[in-house]
Amino acid sequence: MEAVLDVRLNIPKSEVRFFRELVAKMGWMVEMKESALQKYIASRPKNVKLSDEEILSEVYAVRYGK
């Protein structure tokens, strides 16, 4: 398999249809930011066993370096 470069583009809405046609012709794979975020959220654990105090402790540690 050929090496793949992950690229982020900002495309004017008026050009999205053309871009999708180009993607199809070239055989590229496109993932929109929203779908990537949804995939990430769906992959996160649902039942994390942490107390509110443990969560706050982690937030403070990251925020204040303590």
Protein backbone atom coordinates (compact mmCIF):
# COMPACT_ATOMS: atom_id res chain seq x y z
CA MET A 1 0.00 0.00 0.00
CA GLU A 2 1.20 3.46 -0.87
CA ALA A 3 1.96 5.93 1.93
CA VAL A 4 -0.97 8.18 2.76
CA LEU A 5 -0.74 11.86 3.64
CA ASP A 6 -3.46 13.20 5.94
CA VAL A 7 -4.44 16.67 4.67
CA ARG A 8 -6.93 19.25 5.93
CA LEU A 9 -8.49 21.57 3.35
CA ASN A 10 -10.80 24.55 3.56
CA ILE A 11 -13.05 24.47 0.51
CA PRO A 12 -15.67 27.09 -0.35
CA LYS A 13 -19.18 25.62 -0.14
CA SER A 14 -19.70 26.54 -3.78
CA GLU A 15 -16.83 24.17 -4.74
CA VAL A 16 -17.78 21.15 -2.59
CA ARG A 17 -19.67 19.41 -5.39
CA PHE A 18 -16.67 19.75 -7.74
CA PHE A 19 -14.33 18.55 -5.00
CA ARG A 20 -16.46 15.46 -4.30
CA GLU A 21 -16.43 14.63 -8.03
CA LEU A 22 -12.64 14.97 -8.08
CA VAL A 23 -12.35 12.76 -5.00
CA ALA A 24 -14.48 10.08 -6.66
CA LYS A 25 -12.46 10.20 -9.90
CA MET A 26 -9.14 10.00 -8.06
CA GLY A 27 -10.25 7.26 -5.67
CA TRP A 28 -9.37 9.30 -2.61
CA MET A 29 -11.02 8.95 0.79
CA VAL A 30 -12.62 12.00 2.39
CA GLU A 31 -13.63 12.36 6.00
CA MET A 32 -15.37 15.53 7.13
CA LYS A 33 -14.37 17.08 10.44
CA GLU A 34 -17.81 16.38 11.91
CA SER A 35 -17.69 12.68 11.03
CA ALA A 36 -14.17 12.35 12.45
CA LEU A 37 -15.35 13.92 15.71
CA GLN A 38 -18.40 11.64 15.86
CA LYS A 39 -16.20 8.59 15.27
CA TYR A 40 -13.87 9.69 18.08
CA ILE A 41 -16.76 10.29 20.50
CA ALA A 42 -18.32 6.92 19.65
CA SER A 43 -15.02 5.17 20.41
CA ARG A 44 -14.74 6.62 23.93
CA PRO A 45 -15.70 4.52 26.96
CA LYS A 46 -19.30 4.96 28.09
CA ASN A 47 -19.16 3.86 31.75
CA VAL A 48 -16.05 5.40 33.26
CA LYS A 49 -15.89 4.69 36.98
CA LEU A 50 -14.56 7.97 38.30
CA SER A 51 -15.97 10.09 41.08
CA ASP A 52 -16.60 13.80 40.65
CA GLU A 53 -13.65 14.45 42.97
CA GLU A 54 -11.31 12.36 40.80
CA ILE A 55 -12.46 14.19 37.68
CA LEU A 56 -11.97 17.60 39.33
CA SER A 57 -8.54 16.54 40.55
CA GLU A 58 -7.49 15.68 36.98
CA VAL A 59 -8.94 18.91 35.59
CA TYR A 60 -7.06 20.97 38.19
CA ALA A 61 -3.85 19.04 37.54
CA VAL A 62 -4.01 19.76 33.83
CA ARG A 63 -5.22 23.33 34.21
CA TYR A 64 -2.91 24.42 37.03
CA GLY A 65 -0.08 21.92 36.78
CA LYS A 66 -0.71 20.56 40.29
